[in-house]
Every structure is written in C-alpha cells, then in structure tokens.
C-alpha cells in the first residue's frame, strides 16, 4: 500500500481548494489573531510598568520647592508688586 500522505501541513493546504468566502474567513481569523496577540503583549508590558519614578522627575522636584509659598499666598487673587516696594522690603 503506497503512502499517499503529504510531507507537510502546507502541502495539505495547497492541495485543498478553498472557495473565496473560506479564504476571506481564514484571512480575517489570522488577522484578528495577530492583532490580539500584539495587544495582549502590550497589555502585559503595561501591567509590569514601573511607576516609582513619578514625582521624582526634575519638573516635579522644582515645583515642590514652592509648596510652602503656595500655602502662604491667597487661594484666589493676584499678588503683585512694584520695583519700589521690593526695594522697600529689602531695606526693612
């Protein structure tokens, strides 16, 4: 009895005839599988993201210098001054 089995899986696919709708369904399934795999990888990478650096960047550290000043200033309104008043404050 001769062995008529194809040598590999792709030979089976080549020897089978697919109509148009089957090919479209296979292509859409393949495309969705690839896209889902990429999204799952990105989700896994985001879940293992290190958030320990938040609040330690140069801008946040610079703004923390003014916390005490913000508490001393009025919450609503504008604080203004002139050059003369600054000179007067320095002399006192």
N, C-alpha and C. Protein backbone atom coordinates (compact mmCIF):
# COMPACT_ATOMS: atom_id res chain seq x y z
N UNK A 1 0.84 -1.17 0.00
CA UNK A 1 0.00 0.00 0.00
C UNK A 1 0.89 1.25 0.00
N UNK A 2 0.82 2.08 -1.00
CA UNK A 2 1.69 3.26 -1.09
C UNK A 2 1.24 4.33 -0.12
N UNK A 3 2.24 5.07 0.36
CA UNK A 3 1.99 6.16 1.30
C UNK A 3 1.61 7.40 0.49
N UNK A 4 0.37 7.83 0.59
CA UNK A 4 -0.09 8.99 -0.17
C UNK A 4 -0.21 10.24 0.70
N UNK A 5 0.21 10.15 1.96
CA UNK A 5 0.12 11.30 2.85
C UNK A 5 1.12 12.36 2.43
N UNK A 6 0.72 13.62 2.44
CA UNK A 6 1.66 14.68 2.07
C UNK A 6 2.77 14.83 3.11
N UNK A 7 3.86 15.44 2.70
CA UNK A 7 5.05 15.54 3.54
C UNK A 7 4.86 16.55 4.67
N UNK A 8 4.06 17.58 4.46
CA UNK A 8 3.89 18.59 5.50
C UNK A 8 2.49 19.17 5.46
N UNK A 9 2.20 19.95 6.46
CA UNK A 9 0.87 20.54 6.60
C UNK A 9 0.56 21.50 5.46
N UNK A 10 1.56 22.26 5.03
CA UNK A 10 1.34 23.24 3.97
C UNK A 10 1.02 22.57 2.65
N UNK A 11 1.53 21.38 2.44
CA UNK A 11 1.19 20.65 1.23
C UNK A 11 -0.29 20.28 1.23
N UNK A 12 -0.83 20.01 2.41
CA UNK A 12 -2.26 19.73 2.53
C UNK A 12 -3.05 20.98 2.17
N UNK A 13 -2.62 22.12 2.66
CA UNK A 13 -3.32 23.36 2.35
C UNK A 13 -3.28 23.68 0.86
N UNK A 14 -2.14 23.43 0.24
CA UNK A 14 -2.00 23.72 -1.18
C UNK A 14 -2.88 22.77 -1.99
N UNK A 15 -2.97 21.52 -1.56
CA UNK A 15 -3.73 20.56 -2.33
C UNK A 15 -5.25 20.75 -2.15
N UNK A 16 -5.66 21.40 -1.05
CA UNK A 16 -7.08 21.65 -0.84
C UNK A 16 -7.51 22.88 -1.62
N UNK A 17 -8.71 22.85 -2.13
CA UNK A 17 -9.22 24.01 -2.84
C UNK A 17 -10.16 24.78 -1.93
N UNK A 18 -9.89 26.07 -1.75
CA UNK A 18 -10.71 26.93 -0.92
C UNK A 18 -11.52 27.85 -1.82
N UNK A 19 -12.78 27.99 -1.53
CA UNK A 19 -13.55 28.98 -2.26
C UNK A 19 -13.27 30.36 -1.67
N UNK A 20 -13.80 31.38 -2.29
CA UNK A 20 -13.49 32.76 -1.91
C UNK A 20 -13.91 33.06 -0.48
N UNK A 21 -15.09 32.67 -0.08
CA UNK A 21 -15.58 33.00 1.26
C UNK A 21 -14.75 32.31 2.34
N UNK A 22 -14.29 31.11 2.10
CA UNK A 22 -13.45 30.41 3.07
C UNK A 22 -12.10 31.11 3.21
N UNK A 23 -11.53 31.53 2.10
CA UNK A 23 -10.25 32.25 2.16
C UNK A 23 -10.39 33.56 2.93
N UNK A 24 -11.48 34.27 2.72
CA UNK A 24 -11.70 35.53 3.43
C UNK A 24 -11.83 35.26 4.93
N UNK A 25 -12.58 34.23 5.30
CA UNK A 25 -12.75 33.89 6.72
C UNK A 25 -11.42 33.50 7.36
N UNK A 26 -10.62 32.74 6.65
CA UNK A 26 -9.30 32.35 7.16
C UNK A 26 -8.41 33.58 7.32
N UNK A 27 -8.43 34.47 6.34
CA UNK A 27 -7.60 35.68 6.40
C UNK A 27 -8.03 36.58 7.56
N UNK A 28 -9.33 36.76 7.75
CA UNK A 28 -9.82 37.60 8.85
C UNK A 28 -9.47 36.97 10.19
N UNK A 29 -9.61 35.67 10.31
CA UNK A 29 -9.26 34.99 11.56
C UNK A 29 -7.78 35.14 11.85
N UNK A 30 -6.94 34.99 10.84
CA UNK A 30 -5.50 35.15 11.02
C UNK A 30 -5.16 36.58 11.44
N UNK A 31 -5.77 37.55 10.77
CA UNK A 31 -5.51 38.95 11.08
C UNK A 31 -5.94 39.29 12.51
N UNK A 32 -7.11 38.85 12.92
CA UNK A 32 -7.58 39.11 14.28
C UNK A 32 -6.68 38.43 15.32
N UNK A 33 -6.19 37.24 15.02
CA UNK A 33 -5.30 36.54 15.94
C UNK A 33 -4.00 37.30 16.12
N UNK A 34 -3.43 37.78 15.04
CA UNK A 34 -2.18 38.53 15.11
C UNK A 34 -2.38 39.84 15.87
N UNK A 35 -3.46 40.55 15.59
CA UNK A 35 -3.73 41.81 16.29
C UNK A 35 -3.98 41.58 17.77
N UNK A 36 -4.71 40.55 18.11
CA UNK A 36 -4.98 40.25 19.51
C UNK A 36 -3.70 39.89 20.25
N UNK A 37 -2.83 39.13 19.61
CA UNK A 37 -1.56 38.76 20.24
C UNK A 37 -0.72 40.01 20.52
N UNK A 38 -0.69 40.95 19.59
CA UNK A 38 0.06 42.19 19.80
C UNK A 38 -0.52 43.01 20.93
N UNK A 39 -1.84 43.10 21.00
CA UNK A 39 -2.48 43.85 22.08
C UNK A 39 -2.26 43.20 23.43
N UNK A 40 -2.28 41.90 23.49
CA UNK A 40 -2.04 41.21 24.76
C UNK A 40 -0.61 41.44 25.24
N UNK A 41 0.33 41.48 24.31
CA UNK A 41 1.73 41.74 24.68
C UNK A 41 1.88 43.15 25.24
N UNK A 42 1.22 44.12 24.60
CA UNK A 42 1.29 45.49 25.11
C UNK A 42 0.61 45.62 26.46
N UNK A 43 -0.48 44.91 26.66
CA UNK A 43 -1.16 44.93 27.96
C UNK A 43 -0.27 44.34 29.05
N UNK A 44 0.44 43.27 28.74
CA UNK A 44 1.35 42.66 29.70
C UNK A 44 2.49 43.61 30.02
N UNK A 45 3.03 44.29 29.01
CA UNK A 45 4.11 45.25 29.24
C UNK A 45 3.64 46.42 30.09
N UNK A 46 2.41 46.88 29.88
CA UNK A 46 1.89 48.00 30.66
C UNK A 46 1.63 47.59 32.10
N UNK A 47 1.26 46.34 32.31
CA UNK A 47 0.97 45.88 33.67
C UNK A 47 2.25 45.79 34.50
N UNK A 48 3.38 45.59 33.86
CA UNK A 48 4.64 45.48 34.58
C UNK A 48 5.43 46.79 34.55
N UNK A 49 4.77 47.89 34.20
CA UNK A 49 5.43 49.19 34.11
C UNK A 49 5.79 49.69 35.50
N UNK A 50 6.97 50.27 35.63
CA UNK A 50 7.46 50.76 36.92
C UNK A 50 7.04 52.21 37.11
N UNK A 51 6.16 52.45 38.08
CA UNK A 51 5.66 53.80 38.34
C UNK A 51 6.42 54.49 39.48
N UNK A 52 7.53 53.96 39.91
CA UNK A 52 8.23 54.52 41.06
C UNK A 52 8.88 55.88 40.76
N UNK A 53 9.08 56.20 39.49
CA UNK A 53 9.74 57.46 39.16
C UNK A 53 8.79 58.66 39.21
N UNK A 54 7.48 58.41 39.32
CA UNK A 54 6.51 59.51 39.30
C UNK A 54 6.73 60.40 40.52
N UNK A 55 6.82 61.69 40.27
CA UNK A 55 7.05 62.67 41.33
C UNK A 55 8.52 62.91 41.59
N UNK A 56 9.39 62.22 40.90
CA UNK A 56 10.83 62.39 41.11
C UNK A 56 11.52 62.98 39.88
N UNK A 57 10.73 63.38 38.90
CA UNK A 57 11.32 63.99 37.72
C UNK A 57 11.71 65.44 38.05
N UNK A 58 12.58 66.05 37.25
CA UNK A 58 13.09 67.39 37.57
C UNK A 58 11.99 68.45 37.70
N UNK A 59 10.95 68.38 36.90
CA UNK A 59 9.89 69.40 36.97
C UNK A 59 9.12 69.27 38.29
N UNK A 60 8.78 68.05 38.67
CA UNK A 60 8.06 67.86 39.93
C UNK A 60 8.90 68.29 41.12
N UNK A 61 10.18 67.98 41.09
CA UNK A 61 11.05 68.39 42.19
C UNK A 61 11.16 69.92 42.26
N UNK A 62 11.21 70.57 41.09
CA UNK A 62 11.28 72.03 41.06
C UNK A 62 10.01 72.64 41.62
N UNK A 63 8.85 72.09 41.25
CA UNK A 63 7.58 72.65 41.72
C UNK A 63 7.35 72.40 43.21
N UNK A 64 7.92 71.36 43.77
CA UNK A 64 7.78 71.09 45.20
C UNK A 64 8.46 72.16 46.04
N UNK A 65 9.40 72.88 45.46
CA UNK A 65 10.08 73.96 46.18
C UNK A 65 9.12 75.05 46.56
N UNK A 66 8.03 75.23 45.81
CA UNK A 66 7.11 76.33 46.02
C UNK A 66 5.87 75.94 46.83
N UNK A 67 5.81 74.74 47.37
CA UNK A 67 4.64 74.30 48.13
C UNK A 67 4.37 75.21 49.34
N UNK A 68 5.39 75.54 50.09
CA UNK A 68 5.20 76.39 51.26
C UNK A 68 4.73 77.79 50.86
N UNK A 69 5.25 78.31 49.76
CA UNK A 69 4.84 79.62 49.27
C UNK A 69 3.39 79.59 48.81
N UNK A 70 2.97 78.54 48.14
CA UNK A 70 1.58 78.42 47.70
C UNK A 70 0.62 78.41 48.88
N UNK A 71 1.01 77.77 49.97
CA UNK A 71 0.16 77.73 51.15
C UNK A 71 0.05 79.10 51.80
N UNK A 72 1.10 79.91 51.70
CA UNK A 72 1.10 81.23 52.32
C UNK A 72 0.34 82.26 51.50
N UNK A 73 0.24 82.06 50.19
CA UNK A 73 -0.44 83.01 49.32
C UNK A 73 -1.95 82.77 49.33
N UNK A 74 -2.73 83.80 48.99
CA UNK A 74 -4.19 83.61 48.93
C UNK A 74 -4.56 82.62 47.83
N UNK A 75 -5.64 81.87 48.11
CA UNK A 75 -6.05 80.84 47.14
C UNK A 75 -6.57 81.46 45.85
N UNK A 76 -7.31 82.59 45.96
CA UNK A 76 -7.85 83.26 44.77
C UNK A 76 -7.38 84.70 44.78
N UNK A 77 -6.92 85.15 43.66
CA UNK A 77 -6.49 86.53 43.57
C UNK A 77 -5.12 86.63 42.94
N UNK A 78 -4.67 87.84 42.80
CA UNK A 78 -3.39 88.12 42.16
C UNK A 78 -2.51 88.85 43.16
N UNK A 79 -1.31 88.43 43.27
CA UNK A 79 -0.33 89.10 44.11
C UNK A 79 0.58 89.89 43.18
N UNK A 80 0.66 91.18 43.43
CA UNK A 80 1.50 92.00 42.56
C UNK A 80 2.40 92.89 43.42
N UNK A 81 3.34 93.45 42.80
CA UNK A 81 4.26 94.34 43.50
C UNK A 81 4.97 95.22 42.49
N UNK A 82 5.63 96.20 42.99
CA UNK A 82 6.39 97.07 42.11
C UNK A 82 7.85 97.02 42.52
N UNK A 83 8.65 97.56 41.70
CA UNK A 83 10.08 97.57 41.98
C UNK A 83 10.38 98.38 43.24
N UNK A 84 9.64 99.47 43.44
CA UNK A 84 9.84 100.31 44.61
C UNK A 84 9.48 99.57 45.88
N UNK A 85 8.39 98.79 45.84
CA UNK A 85 8.02 98.06 47.05
C UNK A 85 9.02 96.94 47.34
N UNK A 86 9.62 96.38 46.32
CA UNK A 86 10.63 95.37 46.54
C UNK A 86 11.88 96.00 47.18
N UNK A 87 12.21 97.19 46.75
CA UNK A 87 13.36 97.88 47.35
C UNK A 87 13.07 98.23 48.81
N UNK A 88 11.84 98.62 49.06
CA UNK A 88 11.46 98.96 50.43
C UNK A 88 11.52 97.71 51.32
N UNK A 89 11.10 96.60 50.79
CA UNK A 89 11.13 95.37 51.57
C UNK A 89 12.57 94.95 51.86
N UNK A 90 13.45 95.21 50.93
CA UNK A 90 14.84 94.82 51.15
C UNK A 90 15.51 95.71 52.20
N UNK A 91 15.09 96.98 52.27
CA UNK A 91 15.71 97.90 53.21
C UNK A 91 15.23 97.63 54.65
N UNK A 92 14.04 97.14 54.81
CA UNK A 92 13.49 96.95 56.16
C UNK A 92 14.14 95.82 56.89
